[in-house]
Each structure stands twice: as structure tokens, then as C-alpha cells.
Protein backbone atom coordinates (compact mmCIF):
# COMPACT_ATOMS: atom_id res chain seq x y z
CA UNK A 1 -14.52 45.17 20.98
CA UNK A 2 -15.36 45.67 17.32
CA UNK A 3 -15.22 41.91 16.75
CA UNK A 4 -17.49 41.24 19.72
CA UNK A 5 -19.97 43.87 18.51
CA UNK A 6 -20.11 42.31 15.06
CA UNK A 7 -20.61 38.83 16.49
CA UNK A 8 -23.37 40.09 18.78
CA UNK A 9 -25.09 41.83 15.86
CA UNK A 10 -24.80 38.70 13.74
CA UNK A 11 -26.38 36.56 16.44
CA UNK A 12 -29.22 39.03 16.86
CA UNK A 13 -29.88 38.97 13.12
CA UNK A 14 -29.81 35.19 13.10
CA UNK A 15 -32.25 34.98 16.02
CA UNK A 16 -34.57 37.47 14.35
CA UNK A 17 -34.53 35.51 11.10
CA UNK A 18 -35.29 32.28 12.89
CA UNK A 19 -38.19 33.82 14.81
CA UNK A 20 -39.60 35.03 11.49
CA UNK A 21 -39.36 31.53 10.04
CA UNK A 22 -40.76 29.91 13.17
CA UNK A 23 -43.86 32.12 13.11
CA UNK A 24 -44.34 31.42 9.42
CA UNK A 25 -43.98 27.66 9.86
CA UNK A 26 -46.68 27.68 12.55
CA UNK A 27 -49.13 29.26 10.12
CA UNK A 28 -48.36 27.24 7.01
CA UNK A 29 -47.69 23.66 5.92
CA UNK A 30 -44.17 24.79 4.87
CA UNK A 31 -44.35 23.41 1.37
CA UNK A 32 -41.45 24.33 -0.90
CA UNK A 33 -43.40 27.12 -2.66
CA UNK A 34 -44.50 28.58 0.69
CA UNK A 35 -40.92 28.49 2.00
CA UNK A 36 -39.83 30.49 -1.04
CA UNK A 37 -42.41 33.16 -0.11
CA UNK A 38 -40.97 33.72 3.36
CA UNK A 39 -37.40 33.70 2.07
CA UNK A 40 -38.27 36.32 -0.54
CA UNK A 41 -39.54 38.59 2.26
CA UNK A 42 -36.12 38.55 3.97
CA UNK A 43 -33.05 40.50 3.07
CA UNK A 44 -30.24 38.53 1.45
CA UNK A 45 -28.13 38.82 4.58
CA UNK A 46 -31.00 37.42 6.67
CA UNK A 47 -31.43 34.51 4.28
CA UNK A 48 -27.74 33.64 4.51
CA UNK A 49 -27.89 33.70 8.29
CA UNK A 50 -31.14 31.77 8.32
CA UNK A 51 -29.74 28.94 6.26
CA UNK A 52 -26.65 28.70 8.46
CA UNK A 53 -28.38 26.74 11.21
CA UNK A 54 -26.33 25.31 14.02
CA UNK A 55 -26.61 21.55 13.89
CA UNK A 56 -25.29 18.09 14.64
CA UNK A 57 -22.45 17.04 12.33
CA UNK A 58 -21.77 13.33 11.81
CA UNK A 59 -18.19 13.18 10.51
CA UNK A 60 -16.46 10.09 9.15
CA UNK A 61 -12.75 9.77 9.99
CA UNK A 62 -11.76 7.11 7.44
CA UNK A 63 -9.77 4.00 8.27
CA UNK A 64 -6.11 4.86 8.75
CA UNK A 65 -4.85 7.70 10.93
CA UNK A 66 -5.60 11.31 11.83
CA UNK A 67 -4.92 12.54 8.28
CA UNK A 68 -7.69 10.44 6.76
CA UNK A 69 -10.38 12.95 7.73
CA UNK A 70 -11.69 14.95 4.74
CA UNK A 71 -10.84 18.64 4.34
CA UNK A 72 -14.53 19.45 4.73
CA UNK A 73 -14.80 17.35 7.87
CA UNK A 74 -11.76 19.01 9.44
CA UNK A 75 -13.05 22.51 8.67
CA UNK A 76 -16.41 21.73 10.28
CA UNK A 77 -14.85 19.98 13.29
CA UNK A 78 -12.66 22.98 14.14
CA UNK A 79 -15.61 25.35 14.39
CA UNK A 80 -17.83 23.12 16.56
CA UNK A 81 -18.40 23.96 20.21
CA UNK A 82 -18.17 20.29 21.28
CA UNK A 83 -16.52 17.36 19.51
CA UNK A 84 -17.36 13.76 20.47
CA UNK A 85 -15.30 10.74 19.41
CA UNK A 86 -17.30 7.52 19.18
CA UNK A 87 -15.04 5.04 20.90
CA UNK A 88 -16.58 1.57 20.74
CA UNK A 89 -17.62 0.39 17.25
CA UNK A 90 -14.14 0.81 15.81
CA UNK A 91 -10.71 2.39 16.37
CA UNK A 92 -8.02 4.10 14.30
CA UNK A 93 -4.36 3.19 14.31
CA UNK A 94 -3.59 6.24 16.45
CA UNK A 95 -4.84 7.31 19.86
CA UNK A 96 -7.02 10.13 21.06
CA UNK A 97 -4.06 12.37 21.89
CA UNK A 98 -2.72 12.18 18.32
CA UNK A 99 -6.14 13.06 16.95
CA UNK A 100 -6.45 16.03 19.29
CA UNK A 101 -3.08 17.36 18.25
CA UNK A 102 -3.82 17.11 14.52
CA UNK A 103 -7.41 18.39 14.76
CA UNK A 104 -6.50 21.18 17.17
CA UNK A 105 -9.48 20.35 19.37
CA UNK A 106 -10.18 18.50 22.59
CA UNK A 107 -12.23 15.33 22.02
CA UNK A 108 -14.90 13.92 24.31
CA UNK A 109 -14.92 10.12 24.29
CA UNK A 110 -18.40 8.67 23.82
CA UNK A 111 -18.76 5.04 24.86
CA UNK A 112 -21.59 2.64 24.00
CA UNK A 113 -23.68 3.54 27.07
CA UNK A 114 -23.54 7.27 26.39
CA UNK A 115 -24.39 6.93 22.70
CA UNK A 116 -27.18 4.42 23.13
CA UNK A 117 -28.61 5.32 26.53
CA UNK A 118 -27.67 8.98 27.09
CA UNK A 119 -27.77 10.40 23.58
CA UNK A 120 -29.54 13.52 24.81
CA UNK A 121 -26.28 14.59 26.47
CA UNK A 122 -24.62 14.60 23.04
CA UNK A 123 -27.55 16.42 21.40
CA UNK A 124 -27.87 19.02 24.17
CA UNK A 125 -27.80 22.57 22.73
CA UNK A 126 -27.00 21.24 19.24
CA UNK A 127 -29.78 23.54 17.98
CA UNK A 128 -27.95 26.63 19.21
CA UNK A 129 -24.31 25.59 18.75
CA UNK A 130 -22.58 23.21 16.34
CA UNK A 131 -21.77 19.77 17.74
CA UNK A 132 -19.57 17.20 15.97
CA UNK A 133 -19.81 13.42 16.39
CA UNK A 134 -16.76 11.65 14.96
CA UNK A 135 -17.00 8.09 13.67
CA UNK A 136 -14.15 5.86 12.48
CA UNK A 137 -14.89 4.87 8.88
CA UNK A 138 -18.22 6.23 7.63
CA UNK A 139 -20.98 7.55 9.93
CA UNK A 140 -23.48 4.98 8.63
CA UNK A 141 -21.24 2.02 9.35
CA UNK A 142 -23.27 1.18 12.45
CA UNK A 143 -27.03 1.33 13.16
CA UNK A 144 -26.32 3.16 16.41
CA UNK A 145 -25.37 6.24 14.41
CA UNK A 146 -28.63 6.16 12.45
CA UNK A 147 -30.44 6.10 15.77
CA UNK A 148 -28.62 9.27 16.87
CA UNK A 149 -29.80 11.04 13.72
CA UNK A 150 -33.39 9.91 14.32
CA UNK A 151 -33.22 11.25 17.88
CA UNK A 152 -31.91 14.57 16.63
CA UNK A 153 -34.68 14.79 14.05
CA UNK A 154 -37.36 14.17 16.67
CA UNK A 155 -35.88 16.99 18.76
CA UNK A 156 -35.95 19.34 15.79
CA UNK A 157 -32.15 19.47 15.54
CA UNK A 158 -30.77 19.80 11.98
CA UNK A 159 -28.00 17.42 11.02
CA UNK A 160 -25.42 16.96 8.29
CA UNK A 161 -23.37 13.88 7.39
CA UNK A 162 -19.80 14.15 6.05
CA UNK A 163 -18.89 10.76 4.59
CA UNK A 164 -15.56 8.98 4.44
CA UNK A 165 -14.07 5.62 3.45
CA UNK A 166 -15.44 2.55 5.21
CA UNK A 167 -14.36 -1.09 5.41
CA UNK A 168 -17.60 -1.78 3.48
CA UNK A 169 -16.06 -0.38 0.31
CA UNK A 170 -12.34 -0.39 1.11
CA UNK A 171 -12.50 -4.19 1.40
CA UNK A 172 -12.35 -4.19 -2.40
CA UNK A 173 -8.58 -3.72 -2.01
CA UNK A 174 -8.23 -7.50 -1.76
CA UNK A 175 -9.50 -7.97 -5.32
CA UNK A 176 -12.93 -9.45 -4.64
CA UNK A 177 -15.62 -7.55 -6.48
CA UNK A 178 -17.91 -5.49 -4.24
CA UNK A 179 -21.10 -6.28 -6.14
CA UNK A 180 -20.58 -9.98 -5.37
CA UNK A 181 -20.82 -9.49 -1.58
CA UNK A 182 -23.90 -10.56 0.33
CA UNK A 183 -25.01 -9.55 3.81
CA UNK A 184 -22.21 -8.45 6.15
CA UNK A 185 -22.05 -10.18 9.52
CA UNK A 186 -20.54 -9.34 12.89
CA UNK A 187 -18.68 -12.16 14.61
CA UNK A 188 -18.55 -11.20 18.26
CA UNK A 189 -16.30 -12.63 20.96
CA UNK A 190 -18.09 -15.36 22.88
CA UNK A 191 -18.35 -15.34 26.65
CA UNK A 192 -19.28 -18.12 29.07
CA UNK A 193 -22.88 -16.91 29.09
CA UNK A 194 -23.29 -15.39 25.61
CA UNK A 195 -22.58 -17.36 22.46
CA UNK A 196 -24.65 -15.96 19.55
CA UNK A 197 -24.63 -18.07 16.41
CA UNK A 198 -26.99 -16.12 14.16
CA UNK A 199 -24.14 -15.14 11.81
CA UNK A 200 -23.72 -18.80 10.72
CA UNK A 201 -27.12 -18.75 8.97
CA UNK A 202 -26.23 -15.54 7.14
CA UNK A 203 -22.91 -16.92 5.94
CA UNK A 204 -24.66 -20.11 4.79
CA UNK A 205 -27.28 -18.12 2.88
CA UNK A 206 -24.58 -16.03 1.18
CA UNK A 207 -22.67 -19.17 0.23
CA UNK A 208 -25.80 -20.73 -1.26
CA UNK A 209 -26.25 -17.61 -3.37
CA UNK A 210 -22.60 -17.59 -4.45
CA UNK A 211 -21.96 -14.36 -2.56
CA UNK A 212 -18.93 -13.40 -0.46
CA UNK A 213 -19.41 -12.58 3.22
CA UNK A 214 -17.59 -9.78 5.01
CA UNK A 215 -17.21 -10.77 8.64
CA UNK A 216 -16.48 -7.90 10.99
CA UNK A 217 -14.21 -9.02 13.72
CA UNK A 218 -14.84 -19.13 11.83
CA UNK A 219 -16.97 -22.33 7.94
CA UNK A 220 -15.06 -25.38 6.72
CA UNK A 221 -11.28 -25.57 6.83
CA UNK A 222 -11.03 -25.65 3.03
CA UNK A 223 -13.13 -22.52 2.40
CA UNK A 224 -11.14 -19.78 0.68
CA UNK A 225 -11.03 -16.71 2.95
CA UNK A 226 -9.35 -13.32 2.91
CA UNK A 227 -8.00 -11.71 6.04
CA UNK A 228 -7.54 -7.95 6.21
CA UNK A 229 -5.88 -5.84 8.87
CA UNK A 230 -5.67 -2.06 9.31
CA UNK A 231 -7.22 -1.31 5.90
CA UNK A 232 -6.36 2.23 4.88
CA UNK A 233 -3.27 2.47 7.07
CA UNK A 234 0.29 2.48 5.80
CA UNK A 235 0.91 -0.97 7.26
CA UNK A 236 -2.26 -2.48 5.80
CA UNK A 237 -2.03 -6.26 5.42
CA UNK A 238 -4.00 -8.73 3.32
CA UNK A 239 -3.72 -12.52 3.28
CA UNK A 240 -5.69 -15.01 1.16
CA UNK A 241 -5.94 -18.76 1.56
CA UNK A 242 -8.06 -21.48 3.09
CA UNK A 243 -9.53 -21.04 6.55
CA UNK A 244 -7.07 -23.65 7.78
CA UNK A 245 -4.17 -21.64 6.42
CA UNK A 246 -5.52 -18.40 7.87
CA UNK A 247 -5.01 -19.89 11.33
CA UNK A 248 -1.25 -19.80 10.71
CA UNK A 249 -1.11 -16.13 9.67
CA UNK A 250 -0.28 -13.26 11.97
CA UNK A 251 -1.94 -10.12 10.58
CA UNK A 252 -0.66 -7.91 13.37
CA UNK A 253 -2.66 -5.42 15.38
CA UNK A 254 -6.33 -4.44 14.88
CA UNK A 255 -8.62 -3.69 13.18
CA UNK A 256 -9.30 -7.07 11.51
CA UNK A 257 -11.88 -8.27 9.00
CA UNK A 258 -12.46 -11.67 7.45
CA UNK A 259 -14.08 -12.38 4.10
CA UNK A 260 -15.61 -15.80 3.50
CA UNK A 261 -15.78 -16.13 -0.27
CA UNK A 262 -18.89 -17.29 -2.09
CA UNK A 263 -17.17 -20.45 -3.36
CA UNK A 264 -17.19 -19.60 -7.05
CA UNK A 265 -14.65 -16.88 -7.81
CA UNK A 266 -14.48 -14.70 -10.91
CA UNK A 267 -11.21 -15.27 -12.87
CA UNK A 268 -10.10 -11.72 -12.16
CA UNK A 269 -10.85 -12.21 -8.46
CA UNK A 270 -8.68 -15.33 -8.44
CA UNK A 271 -5.84 -13.46 -10.13
CA UNK A 272 -6.09 -10.60 -7.64
CA UNK A 273 -6.18 -12.91 -4.62
CA UNK A 274 -3.05 -14.65 -5.89
CA UNK A 275 -1.20 -11.43 -5.08
CA UNK A 276 -1.98 -12.02 -1.40
CA UNK A 277 -1.71 -15.83 -1.30
CA UNK A 278 -0.40 -17.39 1.87
CA UNK A 279 2.84 -19.13 0.87
CA UNK A 280 3.70 -22.80 1.18
CA UNK A 281 0.34 -24.43 0.57
CA UNK A 282 0.05 -27.86 2.06
CA UNK A 283 -1.02 -30.77 -0.15
CA UNK A 284 -4.18 -31.09 1.91
CA UNK A 285 -5.22 -27.48 1.28
CA UNK A 286 -7.12 -26.10 -1.66
CA UNK A 287 -5.20 -23.48 -3.63
CA UNK A 288 -6.78 -20.29 -4.91
CA UNK A 289 -5.82 -21.13 -8.47
CA UNK A 290 -7.61 -24.45 -8.13
CA UNK A 291 -11.04 -22.91 -7.80
């Protein structure tokens, strides 16, 4: 009973503080100096409560398994009223049940349709109770997640992003230098009625500029490429060789990425890629050391 009384009192104080701020914001332009005026009129306890707004949390999960979440992300996740798991732009090496067991929370799967077409369901009541949206990798790894933040902002819902490792920076594990990468492209699976080819022009432009291309998932058979699988996981695998040789390599289960190099490699890049060279080069193939 004591605990419930304290929680009720805390909520009343929070509501009172917010009403005070809301009235003030209606009467001012809420510049920084003006905000300091209203905060100075409140007791320290009210200020602390006022700044502790409920909000939408975008939490990156990293690339490997359940333990890749940051300490900060896990602490926030465990106190949220609802926790969504974005389930279509990427996947971890473990399933939803494993994540739930480690996080100690039930997860609500959010597919593409819900995130893109029914985002208001995710944002519902996020201004009065904390809501977490979990993303494999980093929250800004897909434009869809930026759209969710924009929707929240338009609804007046505060948000906070908790970053994590992404394939965009972890790809450096293969030895290619990150600053020498051009535009990243998505190579989607073709269907009988949908065969987009726009990524070819982007790869070509990167090649002309001597930049590597990270392809999120092929280019001539002799182009040096790097295949990566399950980056960040304990069974991470990297293979480097010509595109023709890559066709003979089994990288195992997803997730997969392919880097199309910019043609001219830095000497240190060549030395690093030699660590992951596909063995038994054919006489018709171009070796990494030959570049």
C-alpha cells in the first residue's frame, strides 16, 4: 500500500509539472532562456519529474545474439510498458523466444505493414508510458525507422535513440577501410514481375570513383569481392576473392553482405584481405595480391 501511495503521488506531481509547462509553452515561444524561467519556478523534485518524460525509445540490438544489446538499452527496455521487435529489415542469429528469455520481457513482433502503414499503433500512448522499438543493428540502419521518429515528433511524442553496432561500420572487420566506401546498395531478390536494376548504376558510379560498394543482401567475374556472414556473431565468416570464386563459397546461414571493391586497393587492404582469401585460385582468376 505504501508503494502504491508513493507511485500515485509521484504521478500526480508529474502531471502537475507537465500542466505547468504546457500552460507556459502556450504563452511563450519556449526559447531556451524562457524555459529556464519556468524551470526555476519549480521545485527541484518537480524539475526532475518534469524532465523524465515518457517517450518512444529506439534501441539498437547489435549484430550477433541477445547479449549484444547495450547495458543502457537493456535497462530502458525492461522498464517500458510495451516492447516491439522490428522483424523485417534484418534478423539476429537467435529467435524471439531467446530474446524474451534474456531480456525478461515479452516482445511484440512488428512486420513491415505495421511499421510503415500502422505506425500509430506502435506510438499509441507513448506520451504517457514508455514504449521500446527494437532494431537489429543500429536504429538508423533503415529509412523506415527515421519515418517512425518523424511521426512521433509530429504527434508531440518525445523520443530517444540508443545506438549499437551496425553492418555499416562492422563491415570494416574484413580489412577494407571504411572511408573508402561509396553509397551502399540493397540487392533485392527478383520475382517474375519485379526486377529492379537501379543498384547497378550505383555500383558503377562507386567503381568509377574508386570506392567500395557494400551490397546488402551480382559485376564482372574478375571483380574482387568480399562476402560476409553473421557479422558480430561467434561464427562470423568472411571470404575474399573474385566474384567467380565467391560463387563456390558456402558462407552458411544469414545474414549476408557482399562488398564490391573499388578496383584499386590500398596495400594494407590487400594484406588484410589476404587473411580471408578463398583458397586454390584458378589460373583464370585474378588474385588479391595481383591488384
